[in-house]
Amino acid sequence: MKKRRDQRPYVGLHKQLIFRCPEWAELSSNARSLYILLKGKRNPAKYGDEVSFSYRQIKKLRYRGLKRTTTISTAFRELEKGGWIKRKDEGGGLFRKATVYLMTGKFDEFGF
């Protein structure tokens, strides 16, 4: 059976992740916002756990705290260091390709 994109208009986070996960509590507000944006952009039917989100796209959303390149890169590094995402393909270069990240799913089902 073919996977289809979830058509529900929200990003689901488990309550236990928000209230009982110490790793979530340690994240900065910028990293939390970025994680929610990445989860919302994810399309498992088409790309699996891969997410491509350029800094320019993030800046256009005008989230508080995610308007400058330095804060966006700090949030990405924080999510990588914590094991929330992994970098798959490096972006940049002549054609300004966006970096591709993998959603690890480590904290999706908070039950460890």
N, C-alpha and C. Protein backbone atom coordinates (compact mmCIF):
# COMPACT_ATOMS: atom_id res chain seq x y z
N MET A 1 0.84 -1.17 0.00
CA MET A 1 0.00 0.00 0.00
C MET A 1 0.89 1.25 0.00
N LYS A 2 0.57 2.19 -0.84
CA LYS A 2 1.36 3.41 -0.98
C LYS A 2 1.06 4.38 0.17
N LYS A 3 2.12 4.94 0.74
CA LYS A 3 1.93 5.95 1.78
C LYS A 3 1.43 7.24 1.15
N ARG A 4 0.54 7.91 1.84
CA ARG A 4 0.06 9.20 1.37
C ARG A 4 0.45 10.26 2.38
N ARG A 5 0.58 11.47 1.91
CA ARG A 5 0.89 12.58 2.80
C ARG A 5 -0.29 12.79 3.74
N ASP A 6 0.04 13.03 4.98
CA ASP A 6 -0.97 13.29 5.98
C ASP A 6 -1.64 14.63 5.67
N GLN A 7 -2.94 14.64 5.46
CA GLN A 7 -3.65 15.85 5.06
C GLN A 7 -4.14 16.69 6.25
N ARG A 8 -3.89 16.21 7.47
CA ARG A 8 -4.34 16.98 8.63
C ARG A 8 -3.55 18.28 8.72
N PRO A 9 -4.20 19.37 9.07
CA PRO A 9 -3.56 20.70 9.04
C PRO A 9 -2.77 21.04 10.31
N TYR A 10 -2.10 20.08 10.89
CA TYR A 10 -1.30 20.37 12.09
C TYR A 10 -0.09 19.46 12.14
N VAL A 11 0.82 19.81 13.01
CA VAL A 11 2.01 19.00 13.25
C VAL A 11 1.83 18.35 14.61
N GLY A 12 1.87 17.03 14.64
CA GLY A 12 1.62 16.32 15.89
C GLY A 12 2.87 16.13 16.74
N LEU A 13 2.79 16.56 17.98
CA LEU A 13 3.82 16.28 18.97
C LEU A 13 3.15 15.60 20.15
N HIS A 14 3.72 14.52 20.60
CA HIS A 14 3.14 13.76 21.69
C HIS A 14 3.23 14.58 22.98
N LYS A 15 2.20 14.50 23.82
CA LYS A 15 2.19 15.25 25.08
C LYS A 15 3.38 14.90 25.97
N GLN A 16 3.73 13.63 25.98
CA GLN A 16 4.84 13.22 26.83
C GLN A 16 6.15 13.83 26.36
N LEU A 17 6.28 14.06 25.06
CA LEU A 17 7.47 14.72 24.55
C LEU A 17 7.57 16.13 25.12
N ILE A 18 6.45 16.83 25.14
CA ILE A 18 6.45 18.21 25.61
C ILE A 18 6.62 18.30 27.13
N PHE A 19 5.94 17.43 27.88
CA PHE A 19 5.92 17.57 29.33
C PHE A 19 6.91 16.71 30.09
N ARG A 20 7.41 15.63 29.46
CA ARG A 20 8.26 14.72 30.23
C ARG A 20 9.62 14.42 29.62
N CYS A 21 9.90 14.96 28.47
CA CYS A 21 11.18 14.68 27.82
C CYS A 21 12.21 15.73 28.23
N PRO A 22 13.26 15.35 28.95
CA PRO A 22 14.26 16.33 29.38
C PRO A 22 15.03 16.93 28.20
N GLU A 23 15.18 16.17 27.12
CA GLU A 23 15.88 16.69 25.95
C GLU A 23 15.10 17.84 25.30
N TRP A 24 13.76 17.74 25.29
CA TRP A 24 12.92 18.82 24.75
C TRP A 24 13.04 20.06 25.63
N ALA A 25 13.04 19.85 26.94
CA ALA A 25 13.14 20.97 27.88
C ALA A 25 14.47 21.71 27.74
N GLU A 26 15.53 20.99 27.35
CA GLU A 26 16.85 21.61 27.22
C GLU A 26 17.02 22.39 25.92
N LEU A 27 16.15 22.16 24.93
CA LEU A 27 16.27 22.88 23.66
C LEU A 27 15.91 24.35 23.84
N SER A 28 16.58 25.19 23.08
CA SER A 28 16.23 26.61 23.07
C SER A 28 14.90 26.80 22.33
N SER A 29 14.29 27.94 22.52
CA SER A 29 13.01 28.19 21.85
C SER A 29 13.20 28.24 20.33
N ASN A 30 14.34 28.74 19.87
CA ASN A 30 14.61 28.77 18.43
C ASN A 30 14.71 27.36 17.86
N ALA A 31 15.38 26.47 18.57
CA ALA A 31 15.52 25.09 18.11
C ALA A 31 14.16 24.37 18.12
N ARG A 32 13.34 24.65 19.12
CA ARG A 32 12.00 24.04 19.15
C ARG A 32 11.17 24.51 17.96
N SER A 33 11.21 25.82 17.70
CA SER A 33 10.46 26.36 16.56
C SER A 33 10.92 25.74 15.25
N LEU A 34 12.24 25.63 15.09
CA LEU A 34 12.79 25.05 13.87
C LEU A 34 12.40 23.59 13.74
N TYR A 35 12.41 22.84 14.84
CA TYR A 35 12.01 21.43 14.79
C TYR A 35 10.55 21.29 14.34
N ILE A 36 9.68 22.14 14.85
CA ILE A 36 8.27 22.09 14.46
C ILE A 36 8.12 22.44 12.98
N LEU A 37 8.89 23.43 12.52
CA LEU A 37 8.86 23.76 11.09
C LEU A 37 9.32 22.60 10.22
N LEU A 38 10.40 21.94 10.65
CA LEU A 38 10.92 20.80 9.89
C LEU A 38 9.92 19.65 9.86
N LYS A 39 9.27 19.39 11.00
CA LYS A 39 8.26 18.33 11.05
C LYS A 39 7.08 18.66 10.14
N GLY A 40 6.72 19.92 10.07
CA GLY A 40 5.62 20.34 9.21
C GLY A 40 5.97 20.25 7.74
N LYS A 41 7.23 20.43 7.41
CA LYS A 41 7.67 20.38 6.01
C LYS A 41 7.89 18.95 5.54
N ARG A 42 8.06 18.02 6.46
CA ARG A 42 8.36 16.63 6.13
C ARG A 42 7.20 15.99 5.36
N ASN A 43 7.53 15.25 4.31
CA ASN A 43 6.55 14.55 3.49
C ASN A 43 6.99 13.10 3.36
N PRO A 44 6.56 12.22 4.29
CA PRO A 44 7.05 10.84 4.27
C PRO A 44 6.65 10.05 3.04
N ALA A 45 5.54 10.40 2.40
CA ALA A 45 5.10 9.67 1.22
C ALA A 45 6.04 9.91 0.04
N LYS A 46 6.56 11.11 -0.06
CA LYS A 46 7.39 11.45 -1.21
C LYS A 46 8.88 11.32 -0.93
N TYR A 47 9.31 11.78 0.24
CA TYR A 47 10.74 11.86 0.52
C TYR A 47 11.19 11.04 1.72
N GLY A 48 10.32 10.29 2.34
CA GLY A 48 10.69 9.54 3.53
C GLY A 48 10.92 10.51 4.69
N ASP A 49 12.04 10.36 5.35
CA ASP A 49 12.37 11.23 6.48
C ASP A 49 13.26 12.39 6.08
N GLU A 50 13.45 12.62 4.80
CA GLU A 50 14.30 13.71 4.33
C GLU A 50 13.53 15.02 4.30
N VAL A 51 14.19 16.09 4.75
CA VAL A 51 13.60 17.42 4.73
C VAL A 51 14.64 18.39 4.19
N SER A 52 14.24 19.20 3.24
CA SER A 52 15.10 20.23 2.69
C SER A 52 14.45 21.58 2.97
N PHE A 53 15.15 22.43 3.71
CA PHE A 53 14.59 23.72 4.10
C PHE A 53 15.71 24.74 4.08
N SER A 54 15.65 25.67 3.14
CA SER A 54 16.73 26.66 3.02
C SER A 54 16.55 27.76 4.06
N TYR A 55 17.64 28.44 4.35
CA TYR A 55 17.60 29.56 5.29
C TYR A 55 16.67 30.65 4.76
N ARG A 56 16.67 30.85 3.47
CA ARG A 56 15.82 31.88 2.87
C ARG A 56 14.35 31.56 3.10
N GLN A 57 13.96 30.30 2.95
CA GLN A 57 12.57 29.90 3.20
C GLN A 57 12.19 30.12 4.66
N ILE A 58 13.12 29.80 5.56
CA ILE A 58 12.85 29.97 6.99
C ILE A 58 12.71 31.46 7.32
N LYS A 59 13.58 32.29 6.75
CA LYS A 59 13.49 33.73 7.00
C LYS A 59 12.18 34.32 6.51
N LYS A 60 11.67 33.83 5.39
CA LYS A 60 10.41 34.34 4.84
C LYS A 60 9.22 34.07 5.75
N LEU A 61 9.31 33.04 6.58
CA LEU A 61 8.22 32.73 7.52
C LEU A 61 8.14 33.73 8.66
N ARG A 62 9.22 34.47 8.88
CA ARG A 62 9.30 35.56 9.86
C ARG A 62 8.98 35.11 11.29
N TYR A 63 9.48 33.95 11.68
CA TYR A 63 9.34 33.49 13.06
C TYR A 63 10.24 34.32 13.95
N ARG A 64 9.76 34.66 15.12
CA ARG A 64 10.59 35.40 16.07
C ARG A 64 11.77 34.51 16.46
N GLY A 65 12.96 35.03 16.34
CA GLY A 65 14.16 34.28 16.68
C GLY A 65 14.78 33.55 15.50
N LEU A 66 14.04 33.40 14.41
CA LEU A 66 14.57 32.71 13.23
C LEU A 66 14.60 33.65 12.03
N LYS A 67 15.03 34.87 12.26
CA LYS A 67 15.08 35.86 11.19
C LYS A 67 16.50 36.12 10.70
N ARG A 68 17.49 35.70 11.48
CA ARG A 68 18.89 35.93 11.10
C ARG A 68 19.58 34.60 10.82
N THR A 69 20.53 34.64 9.90
CA THR A 69 21.25 33.44 9.49
C THR A 69 21.98 32.80 10.67
N THR A 70 22.56 33.61 11.53
CA THR A 70 23.32 33.05 12.66
C THR A 70 22.42 32.29 13.63
N THR A 71 21.23 32.82 13.91
CA THR A 71 20.35 32.11 14.85
C THR A 71 19.77 30.84 14.22
N ILE A 72 19.53 30.87 12.92
CA ILE A 72 19.03 29.67 12.24
C ILE A 72 20.10 28.58 12.26
N SER A 73 21.34 28.94 11.96
CA SER A 73 22.41 27.94 11.95
C SER A 73 22.67 27.40 13.36
N THR A 74 22.55 28.26 14.37
CA THR A 74 22.70 27.80 15.76
C THR A 74 21.61 26.80 16.11
N ALA A 75 20.38 27.07 15.69
CA ALA A 75 19.27 26.15 15.97
C ALA A 75 19.48 24.82 15.25
N PHE A 76 19.93 24.85 13.99
CA PHE A 76 20.22 23.61 13.27
C PHE A 76 21.31 22.81 13.99
N ARG A 77 22.38 23.48 14.41
CA ARG A 77 23.46 22.78 15.11
C ARG A 77 22.97 22.17 16.42
N GLU A 78 22.12 22.89 17.13
CA GLU A 78 21.58 22.38 18.39
C GLU A 78 20.74 21.13 18.16
N LEU A 79 19.92 21.14 17.12
CA LEU A 79 19.11 19.96 16.82
C LEU A 79 19.97 18.78 16.38
N GLU A 80 21.03 19.06 15.63
CA GLU A 80 21.95 17.99 15.22
C GLU A 80 22.68 17.40 16.43
N LYS A 81 23.17 18.26 17.28
CA LYS A 81 23.93 17.82 18.46
C LYS A 81 23.06 16.98 19.39
N GLY A 82 21.77 17.35 19.50
CA GLY A 82 20.86 16.63 20.37
C GLY A 82 20.31 15.34 19.78
N GLY A 83 20.57 15.09 18.50
CA GLY A 83 20.10 13.86 17.88
C GLY A 83 18.70 13.95 17.31
N TRP A 84 18.17 15.15 17.18
CA TRP A 84 16.83 15.34 16.64
C TRP A 84 16.83 15.20 15.12
N ILE A 85 17.91 15.67 14.48
CA ILE A 85 18.05 15.60 13.02
C ILE A 85 19.48 15.20 12.69
N LYS A 86 19.68 14.73 11.46
CA LYS A 86 21.03 14.43 10.96
C LYS A 86 21.17 15.07 9.59
N ARG A 87 22.36 15.55 9.30
CA ARG A 87 22.63 16.15 8.00
C ARG A 87 22.94 15.04 7.01
N LYS A 88 22.22 15.02 5.89
CA LYS A 88 22.44 14.00 4.88
C LYS A 88 23.30 14.53 3.74
N ASP A 89 22.84 15.61 3.09
CA ASP A 89 23.58 16.21 1.99
C ASP A 89 23.83 17.67 2.30
N GLU A 90 25.07 18.08 2.11
CA GLU A 90 25.47 19.47 2.35
C GLU A 90 24.98 20.35 1.21
N GLY A 91 24.44 21.50 1.55
CA GLY A 91 23.94 22.43 0.55
C GLY A 91 24.96 23.50 0.22
N GLY A 92 24.49 24.55 -0.43
CA GLY A 92 25.35 25.67 -0.80
C GLY A 92 25.93 25.47 -2.19
N GLY A 93 27.07 26.10 -2.42
CA GLY A 93 27.73 25.96 -3.70
C GLY A 93 27.20 26.92 -4.75
N LEU A 94 27.55 26.64 -5.98
CA LEU A 94 27.23 27.52 -7.09
C LEU A 94 25.72 27.70 -7.29
N PHE A 95 24.96 26.63 -7.12
CA PHE A 95 23.53 26.70 -7.38
C PHE A 95 22.70 26.92 -6.11
N ARG A 96 23.37 27.18 -4.99
CA ARG A 96 22.70 27.47 -3.72
C ARG A 96 21.67 26.42 -3.34
N LYS A 97 22.07 25.17 -3.45
CA LYS A 97 21.20 24.05 -3.10
C LYS A 97 21.01 24.01 -1.58
N ALA A 98 19.82 23.73 -1.12
CA ALA A 98 19.54 23.64 0.31
C ALA A 98 20.09 22.34 0.87
N THR A 99 20.51 22.37 2.11
CA THR A 99 20.99 21.18 2.80
C THR A 99 19.82 20.24 3.06
N VAL A 100 20.05 18.95 2.94
CA VAL A 100 19.02 17.94 3.19
C VAL A 100 19.28 17.34 4.57
N TYR A 101 18.25 17.32 5.39
CA TYR A 101 18.35 16.76 6.73
C TYR A 101 17.45 15.54 6.84
N LEU A 102 17.81 14.63 7.73
CA LEU A 102 16.99 13.46 8.04
C LEU A 102 16.38 13.66 9.41
N MET A 103 15.09 13.46 9.52
CA MET A 103 14.42 13.48 10.81
C MET A 103 14.70 12.12 11.45
N THR A 104 15.38 12.11 12.58
CA THR A 104 15.80 10.84 13.17
C THR A 104 14.64 10.05 13.74
N GLY A 105 13.59 10.73 14.19
CA GLY A 105 12.47 10.02 14.79
C GLY A 105 12.77 9.50 16.17
N LYS A 106 13.93 9.84 16.69
CA LYS A 106 14.37 9.36 17.99
C LYS A 106 13.38 9.73 19.10
N PHE A 107 12.76 10.88 18.97
CA PHE A 107 11.88 11.37 20.01
C PHE A 107 10.42 11.40 19.57
N ASP A 108 10.10 10.84 18.41
CA ASP A 108 8.72 10.88 17.92
C ASP A 108 7.77 10.11 18.82
N GLU A 109 8.14 8.94 19.19
CA GLU A 109 7.32 8.15 20.12
C GLU A 109 8.04 8.14 21.44
N PHE A 110 7.74 9.09 22.28
CA PHE A 110 8.42 9.24 23.56
C PHE A 110 8.05 8.06 24.44
N GLY A 111 8.91 7.08 24.49
CA GLY A 111 8.62 5.90 25.30
C GLY A 111 9.91 5.21 25.73
N PHE A 112 10.99 5.94 25.78
CA PHE A 112 12.25 5.31 26.19
C PHE A 112 12.46 5.39 27.66
